[in-house]
Amino acid sequence: MEQDIDDAVLGSLERMAGSRALARALKQSLERLTDGSAGPELEELARDVLAGRVELGSLRTSTAYADPLRQALTGFQQWYSHLSPAERDRVLTEARRQLGTD
């Protein structure tokens, strides 16, 4: 049963992301969020997505997680804006390497 849910979630993420590598990276990120380090709302979201109760694509039209997602995105944008051009290049290169798109 759990494997069926896991396969269904990965399939859903792959359809949304357009690639298996990106879907796996998304799933790993969601798994990291379940530790609560990004706050209880994103922990709940991650658990719901991984359990197959919520599809990430549905978040486009949902306000349930809008505030915590907006805050997380703002935090990322602030972090990224403080990187030097060389650091940005390293981050991008590493992301491409991990996703197999380099």
N, C-alpha and C. Protein backbone atom coordinates (compact mmCIF):
# COMPACT_ATOMS: atom_id res chain seq x y z
N MET A 1 0.83 -1.20 0.00
CA MET A 1 0.00 0.00 0.00
C MET A 1 0.87 1.26 0.00
N GLU A 2 1.85 1.31 0.92
CA GLU A 2 2.71 2.50 1.00
C GLU A 2 3.50 2.69 -0.29
N GLN A 3 3.98 1.59 -0.89
CA GLN A 3 4.71 1.67 -2.15
C GLN A 3 3.81 2.20 -3.26
N ASP A 4 2.53 1.80 -3.25
CA ASP A 4 1.58 2.30 -4.25
C ASP A 4 1.43 3.81 -4.14
N ILE A 5 1.32 4.31 -2.91
CA ILE A 5 1.20 5.75 -2.69
C ILE A 5 2.48 6.45 -3.15
N ASP A 6 3.63 5.89 -2.77
CA ASP A 6 4.92 6.46 -3.15
C ASP A 6 5.05 6.54 -4.67
N ASP A 7 4.68 5.46 -5.37
CA ASP A 7 4.74 5.44 -6.83
C ASP A 7 3.77 6.45 -7.43
N ALA A 8 2.58 6.56 -6.86
CA ALA A 8 1.58 7.51 -7.37
C ALA A 8 2.06 8.95 -7.17
N VAL A 9 2.65 9.22 -6.01
CA VAL A 9 3.17 10.57 -5.73
C VAL A 9 4.29 10.90 -6.69
N LEU A 10 5.23 9.97 -6.88
CA LEU A 10 6.34 10.21 -7.80
C LEU A 10 5.83 10.41 -9.22
N GLY A 11 4.83 9.64 -9.62
CA GLY A 11 4.23 9.81 -10.95
C GLY A 11 3.58 11.17 -11.10
N SER A 12 2.87 11.61 -10.07
CA SER A 12 2.24 12.93 -10.09
C SER A 12 3.29 14.04 -10.18
N LEU A 13 4.34 13.91 -9.39
CA LEU A 13 5.42 14.91 -9.42
C LEU A 13 6.10 14.92 -10.78
N GLU A 14 6.28 13.74 -11.37
CA GLU A 14 6.92 13.66 -12.68
C GLU A 14 6.07 14.33 -13.75
N ARG A 15 4.76 14.10 -13.71
CA ARG A 15 3.87 14.75 -14.68
C ARG A 15 3.94 16.27 -14.54
N MET A 16 3.97 16.75 -13.30
CA MET A 16 4.02 18.18 -13.06
C MET A 16 5.38 18.76 -13.45
N ALA A 17 6.46 18.06 -13.09
CA ALA A 17 7.81 18.59 -13.30
C ALA A 17 8.32 18.37 -14.71
N GLY A 18 7.82 17.34 -15.37
CA GLY A 18 8.25 17.09 -16.73
C GLY A 18 9.46 16.18 -16.85
N SER A 19 10.03 15.76 -15.73
CA SER A 19 11.16 14.83 -15.78
C SER A 19 11.24 14.03 -14.50
N ARG A 20 11.73 12.81 -14.63
CA ARG A 20 11.87 11.93 -13.47
C ARG A 20 12.91 12.48 -12.50
N ALA A 21 14.01 13.02 -13.03
CA ALA A 21 15.06 13.56 -12.16
C ALA A 21 14.54 14.71 -11.32
N LEU A 22 13.80 15.61 -11.93
CA LEU A 22 13.24 16.75 -11.20
C LEU A 22 12.19 16.27 -10.19
N ALA A 23 11.40 15.28 -10.58
CA ALA A 23 10.40 14.73 -9.66
C ALA A 23 11.08 14.13 -8.43
N ARG A 24 12.16 13.41 -8.64
CA ARG A 24 12.89 12.83 -7.49
C ARG A 24 13.46 13.93 -6.60
N ALA A 25 13.99 14.98 -7.22
CA ALA A 25 14.53 16.10 -6.43
C ALA A 25 13.42 16.77 -5.63
N LEU A 26 12.26 16.95 -6.24
CA LEU A 26 11.12 17.52 -5.52
C LEU A 26 10.71 16.64 -4.35
N LYS A 27 10.66 15.34 -4.59
CA LYS A 27 10.28 14.41 -3.54
C LYS A 27 11.28 14.46 -2.38
N GLN A 28 12.56 14.52 -2.70
CA GLN A 28 13.58 14.62 -1.65
C GLN A 28 13.43 15.91 -0.87
N SER A 29 13.12 16.99 -1.56
CA SER A 29 12.91 18.27 -0.87
C SER A 29 11.70 18.19 0.05
N LEU A 30 10.64 17.58 -0.43
CA LEU A 30 9.45 17.41 0.40
C LEU A 30 9.76 16.55 1.63
N GLU A 31 10.54 15.51 1.43
CA GLU A 31 10.92 14.66 2.56
C GLU A 31 11.71 15.45 3.60
N ARG A 32 12.57 16.35 3.14
CA ARG A 32 13.33 17.19 4.08
C ARG A 32 12.40 18.13 4.84
N LEU A 33 11.36 18.62 4.19
CA LEU A 33 10.42 19.54 4.85
C LEU A 33 9.62 18.87 5.96
N THR A 34 9.53 17.55 5.93
CA THR A 34 8.74 16.86 6.96
C THR A 34 9.39 16.92 8.33
N ASP A 35 10.61 17.44 8.41
CA ASP A 35 11.26 17.57 9.73
C ASP A 35 10.83 18.84 10.46
N GLY A 36 10.02 19.67 9.79
CA GLY A 36 9.51 20.88 10.43
C GLY A 36 10.46 22.06 10.40
N SER A 37 11.61 21.91 9.77
CA SER A 37 12.61 22.99 9.78
C SER A 37 12.14 24.25 9.06
N ALA A 38 11.17 24.12 8.17
CA ALA A 38 10.65 25.28 7.45
C ALA A 38 9.33 25.76 8.03
N GLY A 39 8.97 25.22 9.18
CA GLY A 39 7.74 25.62 9.84
C GLY A 39 6.66 24.56 9.74
N PRO A 40 5.69 24.64 10.64
CA PRO A 40 4.66 23.60 10.70
C PRO A 40 3.75 23.55 9.48
N GLU A 41 3.50 24.69 8.85
CA GLU A 41 2.61 24.69 7.68
C GLU A 41 3.25 23.94 6.51
N LEU A 42 4.54 24.20 6.26
CA LEU A 42 5.20 23.52 5.15
C LEU A 42 5.47 22.05 5.49
N GLU A 43 5.65 21.75 6.76
CA GLU A 43 5.76 20.35 7.18
C GLU A 43 4.46 19.62 6.85
N GLU A 44 3.34 20.24 7.20
CA GLU A 44 2.03 19.64 6.92
C GLU A 44 1.82 19.47 5.42
N LEU A 45 2.17 20.50 4.66
CA LEU A 45 2.04 20.44 3.20
C LEU A 45 2.85 19.27 2.65
N ALA A 46 4.11 19.17 3.08
CA ALA A 46 4.98 18.10 2.59
C ALA A 46 4.40 16.73 2.93
N ARG A 47 3.94 16.58 4.15
CA ARG A 47 3.36 15.30 4.56
C ARG A 47 2.11 14.97 3.73
N ASP A 48 1.28 15.98 3.47
CA ASP A 48 0.07 15.76 2.67
C ASP A 48 0.41 15.38 1.23
N VAL A 49 1.40 16.04 0.65
CA VAL A 49 1.80 15.71 -0.73
C VAL A 49 2.37 14.29 -0.77
N LEU A 50 3.27 13.99 0.16
CA LEU A 50 3.90 12.67 0.16
C LEU A 50 2.92 11.54 0.46
N ALA A 51 1.84 11.85 1.16
CA ALA A 51 0.81 10.85 1.45
C ALA A 51 -0.23 10.75 0.34
N GLY A 52 -0.11 11.63 -0.67
CA GLY A 52 -1.05 11.60 -1.78
C GLY A 52 -2.36 12.31 -1.52
N ARG A 53 -2.42 13.09 -0.44
CA ARG A 53 -3.66 13.81 -0.10
C ARG A 53 -3.77 15.14 -0.83
N VAL A 54 -2.62 15.69 -1.25
CA VAL A 54 -2.58 16.98 -1.94
C VAL A 54 -1.62 16.84 -3.12
N GLU A 55 -1.98 17.41 -4.26
CA GLU A 55 -1.06 17.46 -5.40
C GLU A 55 -0.46 18.84 -5.46
N LEU A 56 0.84 18.91 -5.71
CA LEU A 56 1.51 20.21 -5.77
C LEU A 56 0.85 21.13 -6.79
N GLY A 57 0.42 20.59 -7.91
CA GLY A 57 -0.21 21.40 -8.94
C GLY A 57 -1.46 22.12 -8.45
N SER A 58 -2.14 21.54 -7.48
CA SER A 58 -3.37 22.16 -6.96
C SER A 58 -3.08 23.40 -6.13
N LEU A 59 -1.84 23.60 -5.75
CA LEU A 59 -1.49 24.76 -4.92
C LEU A 59 -1.61 26.07 -5.69
N ARG A 60 -1.61 25.99 -7.02
CA ARG A 60 -1.75 27.21 -7.83
C ARG A 60 -3.06 27.93 -7.53
N THR A 61 -4.08 27.16 -7.21
CA THR A 61 -5.40 27.75 -7.00
C THR A 61 -5.84 27.71 -5.54
N SER A 62 -4.96 27.28 -4.66
CA SER A 62 -5.30 27.16 -3.25
C SER A 62 -4.66 28.28 -2.44
N THR A 63 -5.39 28.74 -1.44
CA THR A 63 -4.83 29.75 -0.54
C THR A 63 -4.37 29.14 0.78
N ALA A 64 -4.60 27.84 0.95
CA ALA A 64 -4.31 27.19 2.23
C ALA A 64 -2.85 27.34 2.66
N TYR A 65 -1.94 27.25 1.70
CA TYR A 65 -0.51 27.33 2.03
C TYR A 65 0.15 28.56 1.40
N ALA A 66 -0.64 29.50 0.95
CA ALA A 66 -0.09 30.65 0.23
C ALA A 66 0.91 31.44 1.07
N ASP A 67 0.57 31.75 2.31
CA ASP A 67 1.48 32.56 3.14
C ASP A 67 2.81 31.87 3.42
N PRO A 68 2.81 30.62 3.90
CA PRO A 68 4.11 30.00 4.15
C PRO A 68 4.93 29.79 2.87
N LEU A 69 4.27 29.50 1.75
CA LEU A 69 5.01 29.36 0.50
C LEU A 69 5.59 30.70 0.06
N ARG A 70 4.82 31.76 0.21
CA ARG A 70 5.30 33.10 -0.14
C ARG A 70 6.50 33.47 0.73
N GLN A 71 6.42 33.19 2.02
CA GLN A 71 7.52 33.50 2.93
C GLN A 71 8.77 32.71 2.57
N ALA A 72 8.60 31.43 2.24
CA ALA A 72 9.74 30.60 1.86
C ALA A 72 10.37 31.11 0.57
N LEU A 73 9.55 31.48 -0.39
CA LEU A 73 10.08 32.00 -1.65
C LEU A 73 10.80 33.32 -1.44
N THR A 74 10.24 34.18 -0.62
CA THR A 74 10.88 35.46 -0.31
C THR A 74 12.23 35.22 0.36
N GLY A 75 12.28 34.28 1.30
CA GLY A 75 13.55 33.95 1.96
C GLY A 75 14.58 33.45 0.97
N PHE A 76 14.16 32.60 0.03
CA PHE A 76 15.08 32.10 -0.99
C PHE A 76 15.58 33.25 -1.87
N GLN A 77 14.66 34.11 -2.29
CA GLN A 77 15.05 35.24 -3.14
C GLN A 77 16.05 36.15 -2.44
N GLN A 78 15.84 36.39 -1.16
CA GLN A 78 16.78 37.22 -0.40
C GLN A 78 18.14 36.54 -0.31
N TRP A 79 18.15 35.25 0.01
CA TRP A 79 19.41 34.50 0.08
C TRP A 79 20.13 34.57 -1.26
N TYR A 80 19.41 34.29 -2.34
CA TYR A 80 20.00 34.25 -3.68
C TYR A 80 20.53 35.63 -4.09
N SER A 81 19.82 36.68 -3.74
CA SER A 81 20.23 38.03 -4.13
C SER A 81 21.53 38.46 -3.46
N HIS A 82 21.87 37.83 -2.33
CA HIS A 82 23.11 38.17 -1.64
C HIS A 82 24.31 37.34 -2.10
N LEU A 83 24.09 36.41 -3.01
CA LEU A 83 25.20 35.63 -3.53
C LEU A 83 25.98 36.44 -4.56
N SER A 84 27.26 36.21 -4.61
CA SER A 84 28.08 36.83 -5.65
C SER A 84 27.77 36.12 -6.97
N PRO A 85 28.13 36.74 -8.10
CA PRO A 85 27.92 36.06 -9.38
C PRO A 85 28.60 34.69 -9.43
N ALA A 86 29.77 34.57 -8.86
CA ALA A 86 30.48 33.28 -8.85
C ALA A 86 29.71 32.25 -8.01
N GLU A 87 29.17 32.69 -6.88
CA GLU A 87 28.39 31.78 -6.03
C GLU A 87 27.11 31.34 -6.74
N ARG A 88 26.48 32.27 -7.44
CA ARG A 88 25.27 31.93 -8.19
C ARG A 88 25.59 30.89 -9.26
N ASP A 89 26.71 31.09 -9.95
CA ASP A 89 27.13 30.12 -10.96
C ASP A 89 27.36 28.74 -10.35
N ARG A 90 27.98 28.70 -9.17
CA ARG A 90 28.24 27.42 -8.50
C ARG A 90 26.92 26.74 -8.11
N VAL A 91 25.99 27.52 -7.58
CA VAL A 91 24.69 26.96 -7.19
C VAL A 91 23.97 26.40 -8.42
N LEU A 92 23.96 27.16 -9.50
CA LEU A 92 23.30 26.72 -10.72
C LEU A 92 23.98 25.48 -11.31
N THR A 93 25.29 25.47 -11.32
CA THR A 93 26.03 24.31 -11.83
C THR A 93 25.74 23.07 -11.01
N GLU A 94 25.72 23.21 -9.70
CA GLU A 94 25.43 22.07 -8.82
C GLU A 94 24.00 21.58 -9.01
N ALA A 95 23.05 22.49 -9.14
CA ALA A 95 21.66 22.09 -9.36
C ALA A 95 21.53 21.34 -10.68
N ARG A 96 22.16 21.84 -11.71
CA ARG A 96 22.10 21.16 -13.01
C ARG A 96 22.75 19.78 -12.93
N ARG A 97 23.86 19.69 -12.22
CA ARG A 97 24.54 18.40 -12.07
C ARG A 97 23.64 17.40 -11.36
N GLN A 98 23.02 17.84 -10.27
CA GLN A 98 22.16 16.94 -9.51
C GLN A 98 20.94 16.50 -10.31
N LEU A 99 20.46 17.36 -11.18
CA LEU A 99 19.27 17.04 -11.97
C LEU A 99 19.62 16.38 -13.31
N GLY A 100 20.92 16.29 -13.59
CA GLY A 100 21.34 15.68 -14.84
C GLY A 100 21.03 16.51 -16.06
N THR A 101 21.03 17.83 -15.88
CA THR A 101 20.72 18.72 -17.01
C THR A 101 21.91 19.57 -17.42
N ASP A 102 23.11 19.21 -16.98
CA ASP A 102 24.29 20.04 -17.31
C ASP A 102 24.83 19.76 -18.67
